Amino acid sequence: MPTLGNMIIPAPNGWEEFESIVKSALELRWRTSDLTMHGRQGQKQNGVDIYGSDDLARLVGIQCKLTTNSINESLINAEVSNAEGFQPAISTLFIATTSPSDVKLQQYVRTLSMDRALKGNFSVGILFWT
């Protein structure tokens, strides 16, 4: 019998549904109701689709990437750069993606996050659909 841990749930077809699922999942994970959708389509969002407090009461931003292909390092760098303009400053930027898990990309994000933290900048995390 399938359980939530071993079920394969297809990714949504639209970005609105994906953002809503990400918001709901992180509210459950962090036990918070403080996450908010940032702006609307067509507005400058400074690399943040959802913002609010995580389980450690830190202000975090989430950038959602609904994609059929894998994301890459240059896309991550661009989103990090965009999020530098978010006010007030976030403590962590999470990139949520429907891309398949990728060990090389996870390593890149861990290294980038540590380097940024040493410089006093926000950290970075990646969340895969699986």
N, C-alpha and C. Protein backbone atom coordinates (compact mmCIF):
# COMPACT_ATOMS: atom_id res chain seq x y z
N MET A 1 0.85 -1.18 0.00
CA MET A 1 0.00 0.00 0.00
C MET A 1 0.90 1.24 0.00
N PRO A 2 0.62 2.19 -0.89
CA PRO A 2 1.45 3.40 -0.92
C PRO A 2 1.26 4.25 0.33
N THR A 3 2.33 4.85 0.74
CA THR A 3 2.29 5.82 1.83
C THR A 3 2.73 7.16 1.28
N LEU A 4 2.52 8.20 2.03
CA LEU A 4 2.90 9.53 1.58
C LEU A 4 4.38 9.59 1.25
N GLY A 5 5.19 8.85 1.99
CA GLY A 5 6.63 8.86 1.78
C GLY A 5 7.10 8.19 0.50
N ASN A 6 6.31 7.26 -0.04
CA ASN A 6 6.77 6.57 -1.25
C ASN A 6 5.86 6.79 -2.46
N MET A 7 4.88 7.67 -2.33
CA MET A 7 4.01 7.98 -3.46
C MET A 7 4.73 8.89 -4.44
N ILE A 8 4.43 8.72 -5.71
CA ILE A 8 4.94 9.63 -6.73
C ILE A 8 3.78 10.51 -7.16
N ILE A 9 3.83 11.74 -6.77
CA ILE A 9 2.77 12.70 -7.07
C ILE A 9 3.23 13.56 -8.23
N PRO A 10 2.47 13.61 -9.31
CA PRO A 10 2.91 14.42 -10.46
C PRO A 10 2.95 15.90 -10.11
N ALA A 11 3.90 16.60 -10.69
CA ALA A 11 4.02 18.04 -10.49
C ALA A 11 2.82 18.74 -11.11
N PRO A 12 2.43 19.88 -10.55
CA PRO A 12 1.30 20.61 -11.11
C PRO A 12 1.62 21.17 -12.49
N ASN A 13 0.58 21.51 -13.24
CA ASN A 13 0.74 22.05 -14.58
C ASN A 13 0.93 23.56 -14.60
N GLY A 14 0.46 24.24 -13.58
CA GLY A 14 0.53 25.71 -13.59
C GLY A 14 1.31 26.26 -12.43
N TRP A 15 1.91 27.43 -12.63
CA TRP A 15 2.74 28.04 -11.59
C TRP A 15 1.92 28.45 -10.37
N GLU A 16 0.66 28.88 -10.57
CA GLU A 16 -0.16 29.31 -9.44
C GLU A 16 -0.39 28.14 -8.48
N GLU A 17 -0.69 26.97 -9.05
CA GLU A 17 -0.92 25.79 -8.22
C GLU A 17 0.37 25.37 -7.52
N PHE A 18 1.50 25.43 -8.25
CA PHE A 18 2.78 25.06 -7.64
C PHE A 18 3.11 25.97 -6.46
N GLU A 19 2.96 27.28 -6.64
CA GLU A 19 3.24 28.21 -5.54
C GLU A 19 2.33 27.93 -4.35
N SER A 20 1.06 27.65 -4.60
CA SER A 20 0.12 27.36 -3.52
C SER A 20 0.52 26.09 -2.77
N ILE A 21 0.94 25.07 -3.50
CA ILE A 21 1.37 23.81 -2.88
C ILE A 21 2.63 24.04 -2.04
N VAL A 22 3.59 24.78 -2.58
CA VAL A 22 4.83 25.08 -1.85
C VAL A 22 4.50 25.83 -0.55
N LYS A 23 3.65 26.84 -0.65
CA LYS A 23 3.27 27.62 0.53
C LYS A 23 2.63 26.71 1.59
N SER A 24 1.67 25.90 1.18
CA SER A 24 1.00 25.01 2.12
C SER A 24 1.95 23.99 2.74
N ALA A 25 2.81 23.41 1.91
CA ALA A 25 3.75 22.40 2.41
C ALA A 25 4.72 22.99 3.43
N LEU A 26 5.21 24.20 3.15
CA LEU A 26 6.16 24.82 4.09
C LEU A 26 5.47 25.31 5.35
N GLU A 27 4.22 25.74 5.25
CA GLU A 27 3.48 26.09 6.47
C GLU A 27 3.33 24.87 7.37
N LEU A 28 3.08 23.71 6.77
CA LEU A 28 2.99 22.47 7.56
C LEU A 28 4.35 22.09 8.14
N ARG A 29 5.38 22.13 7.30
CA ARG A 29 6.72 21.74 7.72
C ARG A 29 7.23 22.62 8.85
N TRP A 30 6.98 23.93 8.73
CA TRP A 30 7.50 24.88 9.72
C TRP A 30 6.50 25.22 10.82
N ARG A 31 5.31 24.64 10.74
CA ARG A 31 4.25 24.90 11.73
C ARG A 31 4.02 26.41 11.89
N THR A 32 3.75 27.05 10.77
CA THR A 32 3.50 28.48 10.77
C THR A 32 2.34 28.80 9.85
N SER A 33 1.69 29.90 10.11
CA SER A 33 0.66 30.39 9.18
C SER A 33 1.07 31.77 8.68
N ASP A 34 2.36 32.04 8.78
CA ASP A 34 2.89 33.37 8.51
C ASP A 34 3.40 33.56 7.08
N LEU A 35 3.27 32.57 6.21
CA LEU A 35 3.78 32.72 4.85
C LEU A 35 2.77 33.46 3.99
N THR A 36 3.28 34.34 3.12
CA THR A 36 2.43 35.19 2.29
C THR A 36 2.93 35.17 0.85
N MET A 37 2.01 35.10 -0.10
CA MET A 37 2.37 35.25 -1.51
C MET A 37 2.82 36.68 -1.72
N HIS A 38 3.88 36.86 -2.47
CA HIS A 38 4.47 38.18 -2.66
C HIS A 38 4.00 38.79 -3.98
N GLY A 39 3.19 39.81 -3.89
CA GLY A 39 2.75 40.53 -5.08
C GLY A 39 1.87 39.69 -5.98
N ARG A 40 1.91 40.03 -7.27
CA ARG A 40 1.12 39.32 -8.28
C ARG A 40 1.91 39.28 -9.57
N GLN A 41 1.44 38.48 -10.51
CA GLN A 41 2.12 38.34 -11.79
C GLN A 41 2.28 39.70 -12.45
N GLY A 42 3.47 39.94 -12.99
CA GLY A 42 3.76 41.19 -13.68
C GLY A 42 4.43 42.23 -12.79
N GLN A 43 4.41 42.02 -11.48
CA GLN A 43 5.07 42.95 -10.58
C GLN A 43 6.49 42.49 -10.29
N LYS A 44 7.38 43.44 -10.05
CA LYS A 44 8.75 43.12 -9.66
C LYS A 44 8.72 42.54 -8.24
N GLN A 45 9.22 41.32 -8.10
CA GLN A 45 9.15 40.63 -6.81
C GLN A 45 10.51 40.45 -6.14
N ASN A 46 11.55 40.95 -6.74
CA ASN A 46 12.90 40.80 -6.18
C ASN A 46 13.22 39.35 -5.85
N GLY A 47 12.89 38.45 -6.76
CA GLY A 47 13.29 37.05 -6.61
C GLY A 47 12.58 36.28 -5.52
N VAL A 48 11.47 36.80 -5.00
CA VAL A 48 10.75 36.14 -3.92
C VAL A 48 9.27 36.01 -4.30
N ASP A 49 8.79 34.76 -4.36
CA ASP A 49 7.37 34.51 -4.64
C ASP A 49 6.55 34.41 -3.36
N ILE A 50 7.18 33.91 -2.29
CA ILE A 50 6.52 33.70 -1.00
C ILE A 50 7.50 34.17 0.07
N TYR A 51 6.99 34.82 1.11
CA TYR A 51 7.87 35.23 2.21
C TYR A 51 7.14 35.05 3.54
N GLY A 52 7.91 35.03 4.62
CA GLY A 52 7.34 34.91 5.96
C GLY A 52 8.33 34.27 6.90
N SER A 53 7.84 33.85 8.04
CA SER A 53 8.69 33.27 9.08
C SER A 53 8.75 31.76 8.97
N ASP A 54 9.96 31.22 9.16
CA ASP A 54 10.12 29.76 9.19
C ASP A 54 9.95 29.27 10.63
N ASP A 55 10.29 28.03 10.88
CA ASP A 55 10.13 27.44 12.21
C ASP A 55 11.08 28.02 13.25
N LEU A 56 12.09 28.78 12.81
CA LEU A 56 13.02 29.42 13.74
C LEU A 56 12.76 30.92 13.85
N ALA A 57 11.60 31.36 13.34
CA ALA A 57 11.17 32.75 13.36
C ALA A 57 12.09 33.67 12.56
N ARG A 58 12.76 33.11 11.54
CA ARG A 58 13.60 33.91 10.64
C ARG A 58 12.75 34.33 9.45
N LEU A 59 12.99 35.53 8.92
CA LEU A 59 12.31 35.96 7.70
C LEU A 59 12.98 35.25 6.52
N VAL A 60 12.20 34.47 5.80
CA VAL A 60 12.72 33.72 4.67
C VAL A 60 11.95 34.09 3.40
N GLY A 61 12.60 33.87 2.27
CA GLY A 61 11.96 34.04 0.97
C GLY A 61 12.00 32.73 0.23
N ILE A 62 10.99 32.49 -0.58
CA ILE A 62 10.93 31.28 -1.39
C ILE A 62 10.70 31.68 -2.84
N GLN A 63 11.54 31.18 -3.73
CA GLN A 63 11.39 31.38 -5.16
C GLN A 63 10.96 30.05 -5.75
N CYS A 64 9.83 30.04 -6.45
CA CYS A 64 9.28 28.80 -7.01
C CYS A 64 9.62 28.70 -8.49
N LYS A 65 10.11 27.54 -8.89
CA LYS A 65 10.49 27.28 -10.28
C LYS A 65 9.79 26.02 -10.77
N LEU A 66 8.69 26.23 -11.48
CA LEU A 66 7.98 25.12 -12.12
C LEU A 66 8.65 24.90 -13.46
N THR A 67 9.34 23.78 -13.60
CA THR A 67 10.11 23.54 -14.81
C THR A 67 10.05 22.08 -15.21
N THR A 68 10.14 21.82 -16.49
CA THR A 68 10.20 20.44 -16.96
C THR A 68 11.65 19.97 -17.07
N ASN A 69 12.57 20.90 -17.09
CA ASN A 69 13.99 20.58 -17.15
C ASN A 69 14.64 20.89 -15.82
N SER A 70 15.84 20.43 -15.66
CA SER A 70 16.58 20.72 -14.44
C SER A 70 17.01 22.17 -14.43
N ILE A 71 17.01 22.77 -13.26
CA ILE A 71 17.56 24.11 -13.14
C ILE A 71 19.08 24.00 -13.05
N ASN A 72 19.77 25.12 -13.20
CA ASN A 72 21.23 25.07 -13.21
C ASN A 72 21.83 26.14 -12.30
N GLU A 73 23.15 26.14 -12.19
CA GLU A 73 23.85 27.06 -11.31
C GLU A 73 23.61 28.51 -11.70
N SER A 74 23.59 28.81 -12.98
CA SER A 74 23.41 30.21 -13.40
C SER A 74 22.01 30.71 -13.03
N LEU A 75 21.00 29.84 -13.10
CA LEU A 75 19.66 30.25 -12.68
C LEU A 75 19.63 30.51 -11.18
N ILE A 76 20.27 29.67 -10.41
CA ILE A 76 20.35 29.87 -8.96
C ILE A 76 21.05 31.19 -8.66
N ASN A 77 22.17 31.45 -9.32
CA ASN A 77 22.89 32.71 -9.09
C ASN A 77 22.02 33.91 -9.43
N ALA A 78 21.25 33.82 -10.52
CA ALA A 78 20.38 34.93 -10.91
C ALA A 78 19.29 35.16 -9.86
N GLU A 79 18.71 34.09 -9.34
CA GLU A 79 17.65 34.24 -8.33
C GLU A 79 18.22 34.79 -7.02
N VAL A 80 19.41 34.36 -6.65
CA VAL A 80 20.06 34.89 -5.45
C VAL A 80 20.31 36.39 -5.63
N SER A 81 20.81 36.77 -6.78
CA SER A 81 21.06 38.18 -7.08
C SER A 81 19.76 38.99 -7.02
N ASN A 82 18.69 38.46 -7.59
CA ASN A 82 17.40 39.14 -7.54
C ASN A 82 16.92 39.35 -6.11
N ALA A 83 17.10 38.34 -5.27
CA ALA A 83 16.61 38.39 -3.89
C ALA A 83 17.41 39.35 -3.02
N GLU A 84 18.57 39.77 -3.47
CA GLU A 84 19.36 40.76 -2.71
C GLU A 84 18.57 42.06 -2.54
N GLY A 85 17.64 42.34 -3.45
CA GLY A 85 16.87 43.57 -3.38
C GLY A 85 15.60 43.48 -2.55
N PHE A 86 15.29 42.30 -2.00
CA PHE A 86 14.08 42.14 -1.19
C PHE A 86 14.24 42.88 0.13
N GLN A 87 13.22 43.62 0.51
CA GLN A 87 13.24 44.38 1.77
C GLN A 87 12.03 44.03 2.62
N PRO A 88 12.22 43.88 3.94
CA PRO A 88 13.50 43.84 4.62
C PRO A 88 14.28 42.58 4.22
N ALA A 89 15.57 42.61 4.48
CA ALA A 89 16.45 41.52 4.05
C ALA A 89 16.01 40.19 4.66
N ILE A 90 16.07 39.14 3.86
CA ILE A 90 15.74 37.80 4.32
C ILE A 90 16.97 37.13 4.92
N SER A 91 16.74 36.10 5.73
CA SER A 91 17.87 35.35 6.30
C SER A 91 18.23 34.15 5.42
N THR A 92 17.23 33.65 4.67
CA THR A 92 17.46 32.50 3.79
C THR A 92 16.55 32.61 2.57
N LEU A 93 17.10 32.25 1.41
CA LEU A 93 16.30 32.11 0.20
C LEU A 93 16.22 30.63 -0.12
N PHE A 94 15.00 30.11 -0.22
CA PHE A 94 14.79 28.74 -0.64
C PHE A 94 14.31 28.76 -2.08
N ILE A 95 14.90 27.93 -2.90
CA ILE A 95 14.45 27.76 -4.28
C ILE A 95 13.71 26.43 -4.32
N ALA A 96 12.41 26.51 -4.57
CA ALA A 96 11.56 25.32 -4.67
C ALA A 96 11.37 25.01 -6.14
N THR A 97 11.64 23.77 -6.53
CA THR A 97 11.59 23.43 -7.94
C THR A 97 10.94 22.07 -8.18
N THR A 98 10.31 21.94 -9.33
CA THR A 98 9.77 20.65 -9.75
C THR A 98 10.83 19.81 -10.45
N SER A 99 12.03 20.35 -10.60
CA SER A 99 13.13 19.60 -11.21
C SER A 99 13.45 18.37 -10.38
N PRO A 100 13.98 17.33 -11.02
CA PRO A 100 14.39 16.15 -10.26
C PRO A 100 15.59 16.48 -9.36
N SER A 101 15.68 15.78 -8.24
CA SER A 101 16.82 15.97 -7.33
C SER A 101 18.13 15.78 -8.07
N ASP A 102 19.13 16.57 -7.71
CA ASP A 102 20.41 16.53 -8.40
C ASP A 102 21.52 16.77 -7.39
N VAL A 103 22.37 15.76 -7.19
CA VAL A 103 23.41 15.83 -6.17
C VAL A 103 24.42 16.96 -6.45
N LYS A 104 24.75 17.17 -7.71
CA LYS A 104 25.70 18.23 -8.07
C LYS A 104 25.12 19.61 -7.73
N LEU A 105 23.85 19.79 -8.02
CA LEU A 105 23.19 21.06 -7.72
C LEU A 105 23.05 21.25 -6.20
N GLN A 106 22.76 20.18 -5.48
CA GLN A 106 22.67 20.27 -4.03
C GLN A 106 24.02 20.68 -3.44
N GLN A 107 25.09 20.10 -3.94
CA GLN A 107 26.42 20.46 -3.46
C GLN A 107 26.73 21.93 -3.77
N TYR A 108 26.37 22.36 -4.97
CA TYR A 108 26.60 23.76 -5.34
C TYR A 108 25.86 24.71 -4.38
N VAL A 109 24.61 24.39 -4.10
CA VAL A 109 23.82 25.26 -3.21
C VAL A 109 24.38 25.25 -1.80
N ARG A 110 24.81 24.10 -1.30
CA ARG A 110 25.42 24.05 0.05
C ARG A 110 26.66 24.91 0.11
N THR A 111 27.52 24.79 -0.89
CA THR A 111 28.77 25.57 -0.92
C THR A 111 28.47 27.06 -1.04
N LEU A 112 27.57 27.41 -1.94
CA LEU A 112 27.17 28.81 -2.11
C LEU A 112 26.61 29.37 -0.82
N SER A 113 25.77 28.60 -0.15
CA SER A 113 25.16 29.04 1.09
C SER A 113 26.20 29.30 2.18
N MET A 114 27.15 28.38 2.31
CA MET A 114 28.20 28.56 3.32
C MET A 114 29.07 29.77 3.00
N ASP A 115 29.43 29.95 1.75
CA ASP A 115 30.23 31.10 1.35
C ASP A 115 29.50 32.41 1.64
N ARG A 116 28.22 32.45 1.34
CA ARG A 116 27.42 33.65 1.57
C ARG A 116 27.29 33.93 3.07
N ALA A 117 27.07 32.90 3.86
CA ALA A 117 26.93 33.07 5.31
C ALA A 117 28.21 33.63 5.93
N LEU A 118 29.36 33.16 5.44
CA LEU A 118 30.64 33.67 5.95
C LEU A 118 30.81 35.16 5.67
N LYS A 119 30.16 35.64 4.61
CA LYS A 119 30.23 37.06 4.24
C LYS A 119 29.10 37.87 4.85
N GLY A 120 28.26 37.24 5.66
CA GLY A 120 27.16 37.94 6.30
C GLY A 120 25.93 38.11 5.42
N ASN A 121 25.85 37.35 4.34
CA ASN A 121 24.70 37.43 3.43
C ASN A 121 23.72 36.30 3.73
N PHE A 122 22.51 36.41 3.18
CA PHE A 122 21.53 35.36 3.43
C PHE A 122 22.00 34.02 2.87
N SER A 123 21.57 32.95 3.53
CA SER A 123 21.92 31.61 3.08
C SER A 123 20.93 31.18 1.99
N VAL A 124 21.22 30.05 1.36
CA VAL A 124 20.42 29.55 0.24
C VAL A 124 20.14 28.06 0.46
N GLY A 125 18.91 27.65 0.14
CA GLY A 125 18.54 26.24 0.20
C GLY A 125 17.77 25.88 -1.05
N ILE A 126 17.71 24.60 -1.34
CA ILE A 126 16.95 24.15 -2.50
C ILE A 126 16.01 23.03 -2.08
N LEU A 127 14.78 23.09 -2.58
CA LEU A 127 13.75 22.12 -2.26
C LEU A 127 13.24 21.52 -3.56
N PHE A 128 13.40 20.22 -3.72
CA PHE A 128 12.97 19.53 -4.92
C PHE A 128 11.57 18.94 -4.74
N TRP A 129 10.84 18.81 -5.81
CA TRP A 129 9.47 18.28 -5.77
C TRP A 129 9.44 16.89 -5.14
N THR A 130 10.42 16.04 -5.46
CA THR A 130 10.43 14.68 -4.92
C THR A 130 10.68 14.70 -3.43
